[in-house]
Amino acid sequence: MKKSIATLAVTVYALTAQADTAVRPQHKPVYCAPFADLLKALTGTTYNEFPVWAAKDGQDRSRYVLFVNEKNKHWTLIQVWNTTGCILGAGTDSENISGQPRT
């Protein structure tokens, strides 16, 4: 029994170590503007996206806000520091995978 547990522990450690080597920083351009301007543009008639999710970053105290247009399934993810927002990603085909209805 002890040998099985030891073998399992070594296997898990080896798999974790291999997975860690695949993680590396990536850099991509992001576009930033006053958050108020981004909010106005995203919720306006051109994009018609509205915030559906928000969270605080535990390290740098920034906030993340996900905007979604429920009709055409377009989305935009913004990271916000004080009054500046940066677009981290945007795209199409968003879907609610939680199985819970949005309120």
C-alpha atoms as a PDB file:
ATOM      1  CA  MET A   1       0.000   0.000   0.000  1.00  0.00           C
ATOM      2  CA  LYS A   2       2.789   2.448   0.926  1.00  0.00           C
ATOM      3  CA  LYS A   3       4.558   1.596  -2.339  1.00  0.00           C
ATOM      4  CA  SER A   4       1.387   2.396  -4.323  1.00  0.00           C
ATOM      5  CA  ILE A   5       0.977   5.755  -2.588  1.00  0.00           C
ATOM      6  CA  ALA A   6       4.644   6.597  -3.159  1.00  0.00           C
ATOM      7  CA  THR A   7       4.371   5.644  -6.841  1.00  0.00           C
ATOM      8  CA  LEU A   8       1.245   7.769  -7.214  1.00  0.00           C
ATOM      9  CA  ALA A   9       2.937  10.740  -5.521  1.00  0.00           C
ATOM     10  CA  VAL A  10       5.992  10.491  -7.801  1.00  0.00           C
ATOM     11  CA  THR A  11       3.763  10.209 -10.886  1.00  0.00           C
ATOM     12  CA  VAL A  12       1.692  13.257  -9.915  1.00  0.00           C
ATOM     13  CA  TYR A  13       4.856  15.252  -9.194  1.00  0.00           C
ATOM     14  CA  ALA A  14       6.375  14.269 -12.566  1.00  0.00           C
ATOM     15  CA  LEU A  15       3.223  15.214 -14.470  1.00  0.00           C
ATOM     16  CA  THR A  16       3.013  18.538 -12.639  1.00  0.00           C
ATOM     17  CA  ALA A  17       6.668  19.317 -13.343  1.00  0.00           C
ATOM     18  CA  GLN A  18       6.158  18.585 -17.049  1.00  0.00           C
ATOM     19  CA  ALA A  19       3.059  20.793 -17.184  1.00  0.00           C
ATOM     20  CA  ASP A  20       4.927  23.688 -15.541  1.00  0.00           C
ATOM     21  CA  THR A  21       7.567  23.729 -18.301  1.00  0.00           C
ATOM     22  CA  ALA A  22       4.831  24.402 -20.873  1.00  0.00           C
ATOM     23  CA  VAL A  23       3.739  27.567 -19.056  1.00  0.00           C
ATOM     24  CA  ARG A  24       5.573  30.645 -20.262  1.00  0.00           C
ATOM     25  CA  PRO A  25       4.789  34.347 -20.430  1.00  0.00           C
ATOM     26  CA  GLN A  26       3.316  35.728 -23.622  1.00  0.00           C
ATOM     27  CA  HIS A  27       3.127  39.342 -24.692  1.00  0.00           C
ATOM     28  CA  LYS A  28       0.457  40.834 -26.896  1.00  0.00           C
ATOM     29  CA  PRO A  29      -0.600  44.383 -27.625  1.00  0.00           C
ATOM     30  CA  VAL A  30      -3.519  45.700 -25.604  1.00  0.00           C
ATOM     31  CA  TYR A  31      -5.463  48.858 -26.267  1.00  0.00           C
ATOM     32  CA  CYS A  32      -6.178  51.156 -23.334  1.00  0.00           C
ATOM     33  CA  ALA A  33      -8.376  54.231 -22.901  1.00  0.00           C
ATOM     34  CA  PRO A  34     -10.280  55.964 -20.135  1.00  0.00           C
ATOM     35  CA  PHE A  35     -12.691  53.341 -18.785  1.00  0.00           C
ATOM     36  CA  ALA A  36     -15.598  55.791 -19.026  1.00  0.00           C
ATOM     37  CA  ASP A  37     -14.978  56.077 -22.787  1.00  0.00           C
ATOM     38  CA  LEU A  38     -14.801  52.288 -23.201  1.00  0.00           C
ATOM     39  CA  LEU A  39     -17.995  51.870 -21.171  1.00  0.00           C
ATOM     40  CA  LYS A  40     -19.808  54.432 -23.304  1.00  0.00           C
ATOM     41  CA  ALA A  41     -18.621  52.817 -26.561  1.00  0.00           C
ATOM     42  CA  LEU A  42     -19.390  49.228 -25.542  1.00  0.00           C
ATOM     43  CA  THR A  43     -22.867  49.951 -24.172  1.00  0.00           C
ATOM     44  CA  GLY A  44     -23.758  52.263 -27.057  1.00  0.00           C
ATOM     45  CA  THR A  45     -25.764  51.300 -30.124  1.00  0.00           C
ATOM     46  CA  THR A  46     -22.726  50.155 -32.150  1.00  0.00           C
ATOM     47  CA  TYR A  47     -21.760  47.261 -29.837  1.00  0.00           C
ATOM     48  CA  ASN A  48     -24.723  47.059 -27.445  1.00  0.00           C
ATOM     49  CA  GLU A  49     -22.668  44.994 -24.966  1.00  0.00           C
ATOM     50  CA  PHE A  50     -23.399  45.064 -21.254  1.00  0.00           C
ATOM     51  CA  PRO A  51     -21.407  43.888 -18.211  1.00  0.00           C
ATOM     52  CA  VAL A  52     -22.342  40.347 -17.173  1.00  0.00           C
ATOM     53  CA  TRP A  53     -19.398  39.498 -14.905  1.00  0.00           C
ATOM     54  CA  ALA A  54     -16.866  41.416 -12.804  1.00  0.00           C
ATOM     55  CA  ALA A  55     -14.063  40.446 -10.422  1.00  0.00           C
ATOM     56  CA  LYS A  56     -11.132  41.935  -8.513  1.00  0.00           C
ATOM     57  CA  ASP A  57      -7.551  40.826  -9.092  1.00  0.00           C
ATOM     58  CA  GLY A  58      -6.104  39.652  -5.786  1.00  0.00           C
ATOM     59  CA  GLN A  59      -2.595  40.881  -6.559  1.00  0.00           C
ATOM     60  CA  ASP A  60      -2.748  44.288  -8.222  1.00  0.00           C
ATOM     61  CA  ARG A  61      -6.306  45.226  -7.150  1.00  0.00           C
ATOM     62  CA  SER A  62      -7.379  45.866 -10.734  1.00  0.00           C
ATOM     63  CA  ARG A  63     -10.837  44.770 -11.854  1.00  0.00           C
ATOM     64  CA  TYR A  64     -11.915  42.618 -14.771  1.00  0.00           C
ATOM     65  CA  VAL A  65     -15.244  43.210 -16.486  1.00  0.00           C
ATOM     66  CA  LEU A  66     -16.789  40.989 -19.163  1.00  0.00           C
ATOM     67  CA  PHE A  67     -19.230  42.688 -21.551  1.00  0.00           C
ATOM     68  CA  VAL A  68     -21.564  40.591 -23.708  1.00  0.00           C
ATOM     69  CA  ASN A  69     -24.152  41.294 -26.387  1.00  0.00           C
ATOM     70  CA  GLU A  70     -26.735  38.568 -25.691  1.00  0.00           C
ATOM     71  CA  LYS A  71     -28.280  38.830 -29.173  1.00  0.00           C
ATOM     72  CA  ASN A  72     -25.261  38.551 -31.461  1.00  0.00           C
ATOM     73  CA  LYS A  73     -22.997  36.764 -28.887  1.00  0.00           C
ATOM     74  CA  HIS A  74     -20.137  39.290 -29.184  1.00  0.00           C
ATOM     75  CA  TRP A  75     -18.000  39.877 -26.076  1.00  0.00           C
ATOM     76  CA  THR A  76     -15.205  42.113 -24.724  1.00  0.00           C
ATOM     77  CA  LEU A  77     -13.004  41.554 -21.656  1.00  0.00           C
ATOM     78  CA  ILE A  78     -11.637  44.720 -20.011  1.00  0.00           C
ATOM     79  CA  GLN A  79      -9.077  45.059 -17.203  1.00  0.00           C
ATOM     80  CA  VAL A  80      -9.502  48.282 -15.241  1.00  0.00           C
ATOM     81  CA  TRP A  81      -7.009  50.195 -13.079  1.00  0.00           C
ATOM     82  CA  ASN A  82      -8.504  53.276 -11.431  1.00  0.00           C
ATOM     83  CA  THR A  83      -9.902  55.188 -14.439  1.00  0.00           C
ATOM     84  CA  THR A  84      -8.032  53.353 -17.244  1.00  0.00           C
ATOM     85  CA  GLY A  85      -9.377  50.279 -19.011  1.00  0.00           C
ATOM     86  CA  CYS A  86      -7.478  47.908 -21.294  1.00  0.00           C
ATOM     87  CA  ILE A  87      -9.115  45.530 -23.759  1.00  0.00           C
ATOM     88  CA  LEU A  88      -7.660  42.068 -23.081  1.00  0.00           C
ATOM     89  CA  GLY A  89      -9.781  40.276 -25.644  1.00  0.00           C
ATOM     90  CA  ALA A  90     -12.896  40.490 -27.766  1.00  0.00           C
ATOM     91  CA  GLY A  91     -14.711  38.141 -30.067  1.00  0.00           C
ATOM     92  CA  THR A  92     -17.831  36.265 -31.055  1.00  0.00           C
ATOM     93  CA  ASP A  93     -19.783  33.147 -30.138  1.00  0.00           C
ATOM     94  CA  SER A  94     -19.980  33.729 -26.376  1.00  0.00           C
ATOM     95  CA  GLU A  95     -22.089  31.256 -24.470  1.00  0.00           C
ATOM     96  CA  ASN A  96     -23.181  30.689 -20.898  1.00  0.00           C
ATOM     97  CA  ILE A  97     -21.570  27.347 -20.009  1.00  0.00           C
ATOM     98  CA  SER A  98     -22.569  27.358 -16.340  1.00  0.00           C
ATOM     99  CA  GLY A  99     -26.063  26.082 -17.028  1.00  0.00           C
ATOM    100  CA  GLN A 100     -27.441  28.822 -14.783  1.00  0.00           C
ATOM    101  CA  PRO A 101     -29.782  31.445 -16.228  1.00  0.00           C
ATOM    102  CA  ARG A 102     -28.484  34.971 -16.290  1.00  0.00           C
ATOM    103  CA  THR A 103     -30.508  37.392 -14.234  1.00  0.00           C
END
